[in-house]
Amino acid sequence: MHRSLQKNDEKKTRTILLIVFYFCATTMSIITFYSLYVSIDEYLRTGKVVIGEVLVNTEFPFPGLAKLVTYLMIVTVVGWYCVTRLGGDKVKKIPESIKSILQLIVLAIMVISLYEFIYNFVIWNSFITVDAINGIIRLDDIHVPYPNPNTPWNLVFATKMSLSALLISAHGFYTISKHKSQDKVG
């Protein structure tokens, strides 16, 4: 009886995780296509585009609520979590040598995303400070002409998405490491 309840609970959990994952994937797709459409339109009209600006400037479902970039960050991390919960056991079946290579790759991604998060946050904070000293308050429309001066990046977008990448890569590193240590114990 207890085993049957446990199986039923596992099935419900899997169903919930699948629903949440598909919701996250759909939301990511809609936000991405919307931002591409608006960015391409802006580029065709003005010859310029700031990466991520449309996501920072668009509040949904009404002005004053959350920005699309915030939704994108959340569904990216939550979607990743659902993927690892749904398929995390598959990592146990991967050979140890492949796990080590994957762990090194994810570690490199984690280090890069940590650097990018800190870099973007510090630059963003510096611009806010300079603006505040000059009596200007603008938080969302600050951008930096990096890595390409012709296509600057909005710093809110860059900071939130690099934080998302950091969280995902750190969780991926943890997941692979957890399964490596469990394999040695088991």
Protein backbone atom coordinates (compact mmCIF):
# COMPACT_ATOMS: atom_id res chain seq x y z
CA MET A 1 0.00 0.00 0.00
CA HIS A 2 2.79 2.40 0.98
CA ARG A 3 4.67 1.63 -2.25
CA SER A 4 1.52 2.37 -4.29
CA LEU A 5 1.07 5.75 -2.57
CA GLN A 6 4.72 6.57 -3.19
CA LYS A 7 4.43 5.68 -6.90
CA ASN A 8 1.26 7.78 -7.18
CA ASP A 9 3.00 10.73 -5.49
CA GLU A 10 6.00 10.38 -7.83
CA LYS A 11 3.66 10.40 -10.82
CA LYS A 12 1.88 13.53 -9.56
CA THR A 13 5.22 15.24 -8.94
CA ARG A 14 6.42 14.35 -12.43
CA THR A 15 3.17 15.67 -13.94
CA ILE A 16 3.49 18.95 -12.03
CA LEU A 17 7.14 19.33 -13.07
CA LEU A 18 6.24 18.65 -16.71
CA ILE A 19 3.43 21.20 -16.66
CA VAL A 20 5.69 23.82 -15.08
CA PHE A 21 8.48 23.01 -17.55
CA TYR A 22 6.20 23.36 -20.57
CA PHE A 23 4.81 26.61 -19.16
CA CYS A 24 8.38 27.91 -18.71
CA ALA A 25 9.45 26.78 -22.19
CA THR A 26 6.39 28.36 -23.77
CA THR A 27 6.92 31.60 -21.83
CA MET A 28 10.61 31.70 -22.81
CA SER A 29 9.68 31.18 -26.46
CA ILE A 30 6.99 33.87 -26.45
CA ILE A 31 9.26 36.40 -24.74
CA THR A 32 12.15 35.58 -27.09
CA PHE A 33 10.07 35.85 -30.26
CA TYR A 34 8.43 39.06 -29.04
CA SER A 35 11.79 40.66 -28.28
CA LEU A 36 13.25 39.52 -31.60
CA TYR A 37 10.27 40.92 -33.49
CA VAL A 38 10.41 44.30 -31.72
CA SER A 39 14.23 44.47 -31.95
CA ILE A 40 14.27 43.66 -35.66
CA ASP A 41 11.55 46.25 -36.27
CA GLU A 42 13.54 48.84 -34.30
CA TYR A 43 16.73 47.98 -36.18
CA LEU A 44 14.99 48.28 -39.56
CA ARG A 45 13.52 51.66 -38.59
CA THR A 46 16.53 53.22 -36.80
CA GLY A 47 19.55 51.13 -37.76
CA LYS A 48 20.28 50.62 -34.05
CA VAL A 49 19.32 48.15 -31.38
CA VAL A 50 20.24 47.79 -27.71
CA ILE A 51 20.33 44.12 -26.73
CA GLY A 52 17.68 43.36 -24.11
CA GLU A 53 16.21 46.86 -24.01
CA VAL A 54 12.78 45.79 -25.21
CA LEU A 55 12.60 43.24 -22.38
CA VAL A 56 13.52 45.87 -19.81
CA ASN A 57 11.11 48.49 -21.18
CA THR A 58 8.10 46.16 -21.49
CA GLU A 59 6.06 45.70 -18.34
CA PHE A 60 3.49 42.92 -18.32
CA PRO A 61 0.54 42.52 -17.93
CA PHE A 62 0.20 46.23 -17.11
CA PRO A 63 2.56 49.16 -16.41
CA GLY A 64 4.08 49.10 -12.97
CA LEU A 65 4.19 45.33 -12.66
CA ALA A 66 7.13 43.10 -13.62
CA LYS A 67 9.28 43.56 -16.69
CA LEU A 68 9.63 40.84 -19.33
CA VAL A 69 13.32 40.43 -18.44
CA THR A 70 12.29 39.48 -14.89
CA TYR A 71 9.83 36.89 -16.19
CA LEU A 72 12.51 35.55 -18.55
CA MET A 73 15.01 35.21 -15.72
CA ILE A 74 12.51 33.41 -13.50
CA VAL A 75 11.20 30.96 -16.11
CA THR A 76 14.74 30.18 -17.25
CA VAL A 77 15.83 29.16 -13.76
CA VAL A 78 12.58 27.38 -12.88
CA GLY A 79 12.55 25.59 -16.24
CA TRP A 80 16.12 24.39 -15.64
CA TYR A 81 15.18 23.16 -12.19
CA CYS A 82 12.27 21.17 -13.65
CA VAL A 83 14.59 19.63 -16.26
CA THR A 84 17.08 18.51 -13.63
CA ARG A 85 14.33 17.11 -11.40
CA LEU A 86 12.78 15.25 -14.33
CA GLY A 87 16.01 13.91 -15.80
CA GLY A 88 18.48 14.13 -12.92
CA ASP A 89 18.58 10.37 -12.46
CA LYS A 90 19.86 10.00 -16.01
CA VAL A 91 23.15 11.54 -14.84
CA LYS A 92 23.81 8.41 -12.78
CA LYS A 93 24.04 6.36 -15.97
CA ILE A 94 26.68 8.57 -17.62
CA PRO A 95 30.23 7.14 -17.46
CA GLU A 96 32.52 8.78 -14.87
CA SER A 97 34.89 10.14 -17.54
CA ILE A 98 32.04 11.93 -19.32
CA LYS A 99 30.75 13.28 -15.99
CA SER A 100 34.18 14.74 -15.29
CA ILE A 101 34.29 16.44 -18.69
CA LEU A 102 30.75 17.79 -18.23
CA GLN A 103 31.68 18.99 -14.76
CA LEU A 104 34.69 20.90 -16.15
CA ILE A 105 32.57 22.47 -18.89
CA VAL A 106 29.86 23.51 -16.42
CA LEU A 107 32.52 24.84 -14.04
CA ALA A 108 33.96 26.99 -16.85
CA ILE A 109 30.46 28.30 -17.68
CA MET A 110 29.89 29.01 -13.99
CA VAL A 111 33.14 30.99 -13.68
CA ILE A 112 32.36 33.00 -16.83
CA SER A 113 28.81 33.74 -15.71
CA LEU A 114 30.04 34.73 -12.23
CA TYR A 115 32.49 37.16 -13.81
CA GLU A 116 29.84 38.53 -16.17
CA PHE A 117 27.34 38.97 -13.35
CA ILE A 118 29.83 40.84 -11.16
CA TYR A 119 31.10 42.89 -14.12
CA ASN A 120 27.61 43.91 -15.26
CA PHE A 121 26.44 44.64 -11.73
CA VAL A 122 29.47 46.80 -10.94
CA ILE A 123 29.22 48.71 -14.24
CA TRP A 124 25.48 49.20 -13.76
CA ASN A 125 26.04 50.41 -10.19
CA SER A 126 28.78 52.79 -11.38
CA PHE A 127 26.52 54.37 -13.99
CA ILE A 128 23.71 54.72 -11.43
CA THR A 129 26.13 56.41 -9.01
CA VAL A 130 27.44 58.84 -11.63
CA ASP A 131 23.87 59.67 -12.67
CA ALA A 132 22.81 60.16 -9.03
CA ILE A 133 25.73 62.55 -8.44
CA ASN A 134 24.56 64.50 -11.49
CA GLY A 135 20.98 64.54 -10.19
CA ILE A 136 19.64 62.02 -12.68
CA ILE A 137 17.70 58.92 -11.70
CA ARG A 138 17.58 56.33 -14.45
CA LEU A 139 17.91 52.68 -13.73
CA ASP A 140 16.49 50.76 -16.67
CA ASP A 141 17.81 52.53 -19.75
CA ILE A 142 21.51 52.29 -18.95
CA HIS A 143 23.47 50.39 -21.55
CA VAL A 144 27.11 49.72 -22.28
CA PRO A 145 28.71 49.50 -25.74
CA TYR A 146 30.28 46.15 -24.96
CA PRO A 147 31.21 43.74 -26.51
CA ASN A 148 30.34 45.51 -29.77
CA PRO A 149 29.90 49.31 -29.89
CA ASN A 150 27.33 48.92 -32.68
CA THR A 151 25.09 46.72 -30.53
CA PRO A 152 25.22 47.83 -26.89
CA TRP A 153 23.71 45.76 -24.09
CA ASN A 154 21.13 47.00 -21.61
CA LEU A 155 22.71 46.49 -18.18
CA VAL A 156 19.50 45.39 -16.45
CA PHE A 157 19.12 42.65 -19.06
CA ALA A 158 22.79 41.67 -18.95
CA THR A 159 22.85 41.54 -15.15
CA LYS A 160 19.66 39.51 -14.78
CA MET A 161 20.53 37.04 -17.51
CA SER A 162 24.10 36.55 -16.27
CA LEU A 163 22.64 35.91 -12.79
CA SER A 164 20.32 33.37 -14.36
CA ALA A 165 23.27 31.71 -16.12
CA LEU A 166 25.21 31.67 -12.84
CA LEU A 167 22.35 30.02 -10.94
CA ILE A 168 21.79 27.44 -13.66
CA SER A 169 25.47 26.55 -14.06
CA ALA A 170 26.01 26.39 -10.27
CA HIS A 171 23.02 24.07 -9.96
CA GLY A 172 24.28 22.00 -12.90
CA PHE A 173 27.71 21.71 -11.28
CA TYR A 174 26.08 20.71 -7.98
CA THR A 175 23.86 18.14 -9.71
CA ILE A 176 26.77 16.47 -11.51
CA SER A 177 28.93 16.57 -8.38
CA LYS A 178 26.12 15.15 -6.24
CA HIS A 179 25.70 12.21 -8.58
CA LYS A 180 29.47 11.63 -8.68
CA SER A 181 29.68 11.46 -4.89
CA GLN A 182 26.56 9.24 -4.66
CA ASP A 183 28.09 6.86 -7.21
CA LYS A 184 31.21 6.48 -5.05
CA VAL A 185 29.17 5.87 -1.89
CA GLY A 186 26.65 3.54 -3.59
